Amino acid sequence: MSNIPHFITLTIIAIASSFLLSCSEVIELVGQGGEKPLRNAELPPPSTGPRVLLFALDGVGYDQLMEALHSGQFLHLQTLLGTEKQDGLFEHGYAVPNAISILPSTTMAAWASVYTGEPPSRTGVPGNEWFVREQMRFFAPGAVSVTETEHFFKLFTDGLLGDVIQTPTLYELLGGLRSHVSLGLLYRGASLLTTPEPKVLWTFFATFLKGVISTESVDRDIYSTIDEESVTKLIDALKEHGVPALQVVYFPGIDLFTHVADDPLLMQVEYLEDVIDKAVGDVLETYAKLGVLDETYVLFVSDHGHTPVLNDDRHALGAEGDDEPPALIKKMGFRLRKFVLDPAENELDYQATVAYQGAIAYVYLTDRSICSAEGDRCDWRRPPRLQEDVMPVVRAFYEVNKTGNPIPALKGTLDLIFARPPRPPDQDALPFQVFDGKKLVPLSTYLARHPRPDLLQLEKRMQWLGAGPYGHRAGDILLLARSGLERPIEERFYFSGPYHSWHGSPETQDSHIPLILARKGESGEKLQTTVKAIVGKSPSQLHVVPLVRALLEDRQEKDTMMLDKKPEKAQKRPKPETGD
């Protein structure tokens, strides 16, 4: 504790007490600020590239990034890309014009898919928080319905996201290549993790905690310091350890700021121009000074955009209270799981639980016939019954949304209600269907009758979310709140405490993300050809992994042969799949 300033230590103790965290755990987290070798940090790279520098922009929408670029104030990206031509083509870069996020378009699920190339139904991470029914465990690394932040801390102390992801990460798929991560949420398999120094790292955690308990706007400098100082440590590591084959630079401050900014989209553009531009420039300048910029592909990607909402209790569909969505589940006779990470032993008889994802909410049910009496613990390995358990709740939400009965405050808050025939967790979950007021119907059928071009690739993305080995983690019922820029702000709702912006929906503003590849001196046409060969006609976050692997393929083959005692037996890695 000696290297942590006294006032920070006192703050740690106070916050730890408030959030039911052990003081030693928080001190461990803050004390590790700097860098943390993960594996093979000293593995020497070959003398030449190619290399990939990936800038991960949390919460930045496509339109906001392009607005900053066109303003002439995102100078370092503008200089890197060169003259703009048409359809995303630049002199030295290519901005994919129609890339989308997975669903829900929210932080933990999206970055899990970015760094694995797999959808939520395969990663096992379906949102910012979720319930694993066979374990009776609630995970909340991006807490929304709960106020406890233990799992957020464990992202950094214990690698929580890496522990729960069920598929290989990009870093693991790159084999022996060195990969460094700056302030990333997922780093399993990487060589080195860098974070800001303890004082700044604590600012990050304190800022996150403030967001959990308060909607009061905060000075932008608090958020920008997180992004700026993480780059300072990253640059120190580049100078000390050399430039890895893959360097990920994660900027979380811009997302945290956008949630609480009074004018979210305008102020996000200003943040890009004033803060992110300089941070990007500092990294690019370091690469140039170290003599490797010419051999480096520079990739920009985001997890989701933001939709402005009203910062009030009417539009924030919370977890607690008689006029909030969980209250309707209680009125249907279900015993609801408390909104905590770990209920007490005498509180484990619940029959329903809820997880929030901003524009989306998941409802998990069990077969309540086997635990009907209060105090009976349910067997959550058994799925609920469709007609007796699931459909009564589906119809109740449809009715309250249409008429306000029996909770008037919920009238007109929902857009669509999804459910599907339940299956046990050891079987692949079935795709979600839409409730049309009478019955569940396949999405293809519903969309043919009721086209929704505002909900981007809804059928495919709902398949990614709900159909597969971990699709049951997205709940038995999925509620989609009314949202979207095409609606007046007074008609937008979200599952959370009050904020100035939220996300998570399949709507364009939340879903349309930047995916930009650039390289100094290389023609935009060549980069465009490279990208299109990977992403096909339906580009998404799932293409980041195969794109990075393709860019580094020659280098990976070279390093494998260097490390193999018998080079003649070295095996060439199969090329990444390039289908849609």
Foldseek 3Di string as FASTA:
>chain_A
DVVDDPVLLVVLVVVCVVQVHDSVLVCLLLQVAFKDFDPPLQVDFPPAAQAAEEEEEEAAFPVLVVVLLVVCLLPVVCVQQDDDDDCQFGQFKGWNQFAWFFFQLADLQRVLLLFFLAFCQQQLQQFQWFADLQVRFIAHLPDFQALRNVNVSCLRVPVVSQVRTRGDTLLVVLPPFAEEEQPDSHQVNHGMYHAAHSVLVSLVVVLSSCVSPHLAADPLVSLLSRLQRSLVSVLVSCVVNNDTRYYYRYRPSLVSNLFNDQPRSVVSSVCSSPRVSVSVVVVLVSCVVSPHQQSYKYKYWYSWHKAFAFQDPLQAQHDDDCQHLVVLVVVVVWAEQDNDRDDDPLRQQGAWYKGFHWQKIAIAGAQCVQRVDRSRHGNSQHHHACPPIPVVSQLSLVVCCPPVPPRVSNHLFFDWKWADGDDGLQDWFDFIFTDPNPDTDHPVVVCVVPPDVQQPPVNVSSCSQQTHNSNCRRHRMMTGTDGDPVDPSVNHHIHGNGTRIHGRGSGNRTIRMIIMIGGPPHGSVVNVVLQCQAQPPHHYSSSSSLSSCVSRQVSSQVVQLVPDPDSVPRDRDDRDDRDD
